[in-house]
Amino acid sequence: MGFLKLIEIENFKSYKGRQIIGPFRRFTAIIGPNGSGEAPGGGGGGA
């Protein structure tokens, strides 16, 4: 299992110059393509 310590970006979208985001606390992420059922509980989708 891997983990993310921090993210370093430079001139990305509205972030100007070099930015370091983090450190992050431990969290769980469920990812997948749109429509593959990764929404929490019984649907949770938007309008």
C-alpha atoms as a PDB file:
ATOM      1  CA  MET A   1       0.000   0.000   0.000  1.00  0.00           C
ATOM      2  CA  GLY A   2       1.329   3.430  -0.878  1.00  0.00           C
ATOM      3  CA  PHE A   3       0.715   6.804   0.662  1.00  0.00           C
ATOM      4  CA  LEU A   4       0.894  10.423  -0.388  1.00  0.00           C
ATOM      5  CA  LYS A   5       3.165  12.685   1.675  1.00  0.00           C
ATOM      6  CA  LEU A   6       2.824  15.928  -0.268  1.00  0.00           C
ATOM      7  CA  ILE A   7       2.189  17.385  -3.712  1.00  0.00           C
ATOM      8  CA  GLU A   8       4.581  19.844  -5.329  1.00  0.00           C
ATOM      9  CA  ILE A   9       3.243  21.887  -8.263  1.00  0.00           C
ATOM     10  CA  GLU A  10       4.507  24.808 -10.308  1.00  0.00           C
ATOM     11  CA  ASN A  11       2.302  27.280 -12.232  1.00  0.00           C
ATOM     12  CA  PHE A  12      -0.666  24.893 -12.230  1.00  0.00           C
ATOM     13  CA  LYS A  13      -4.079  26.465 -12.947  1.00  0.00           C
ATOM     14  CA  SER A  14      -4.591  29.253 -10.377  1.00  0.00           C
ATOM     15  CA  TYR A  15      -1.452  28.365  -8.367  1.00  0.00           C
ATOM     16  CA  LYS A  16       1.376  30.704  -9.356  1.00  0.00           C
ATOM     17  CA  GLY A  17       5.008  29.756  -8.794  1.00  0.00           C
ATOM     18  CA  ARG A  18       6.118  26.686  -6.860  1.00  0.00           C
ATOM     19  CA  GLN A  19       3.604  25.414  -4.299  1.00  0.00           C
ATOM     20  CA  ILE A  20       3.835  22.526  -1.844  1.00  0.00           C
ATOM     21  CA  ILE A  21       0.532  21.092  -0.653  1.00  0.00           C
ATOM     22  CA  GLY A  22       0.661  18.813   2.384  1.00  0.00           C
ATOM     23  CA  PRO A  23       1.607  16.976   4.492  1.00  0.00           C
ATOM     24  CA  PHE A  24      -1.606  14.989   4.368  1.00  0.00           C
ATOM     25  CA  ARG A  25      -3.268  13.024   7.128  1.00  0.00           C
ATOM     26  CA  ARG A  26      -4.079   9.398   6.495  1.00  0.00           C
ATOM     27  CA  PHE A  27      -7.250   8.903   4.437  1.00  0.00           C
ATOM     28  CA  THR A  28      -8.984   6.343   2.250  1.00  0.00           C
ATOM     29  CA  ALA A  29      -9.961   7.094  -1.348  1.00  0.00           C
ATOM     30  CA  ILE A  30     -12.204   5.000  -3.579  1.00  0.00           C
ATOM     31  CA  ILE A  31     -11.579   5.844  -7.221  1.00  0.00           C
ATOM     32  CA  GLY A  32     -12.888   4.610 -10.529  1.00  0.00           C
ATOM     33  CA  PRO A  33     -14.293   5.683 -13.867  1.00  0.00           C
ATOM     34  CA  ASN A  34     -17.546   7.661 -13.900  1.00  0.00           C
ATOM     35  CA  GLY A  35     -20.557   5.417 -13.437  1.00  0.00           C
ATOM     36  CA  SER A  36     -18.610   2.476 -11.981  1.00  0.00           C
ATOM     37  CA  GLY A  37     -20.315   2.578  -8.560  1.00  0.00           C
ATOM     38  CA  GLU A  38     -17.768   4.419  -6.416  1.00  0.00           C
ATOM     39  CA  ALA A  39     -20.432   6.709  -4.834  1.00  0.00           C
ATOM     40  CA  PRO A  40     -20.951   6.252  -1.067  1.00  0.00           C
ATOM     41  CA  GLY A  41     -24.012   4.410   0.246  1.00  0.00           C
ATOM     42  CA  GLY A  42     -27.109   4.114  -1.899  1.00  0.00           C
ATOM     43  CA  GLY A  43     -26.284   6.437  -4.767  1.00  0.00           C
ATOM     44  CA  GLY A  44     -25.049   9.763  -3.469  1.00  0.00           C
ATOM     45  CA  GLY A  45     -24.893  11.269  -6.951  1.00  0.00           C
ATOM     46  CA  GLY A  46     -25.770  14.852  -7.815  1.00  0.00           C
ATOM     47  CA  ALA A  47     -28.751  16.184  -9.743  1.00  0.00           C
END
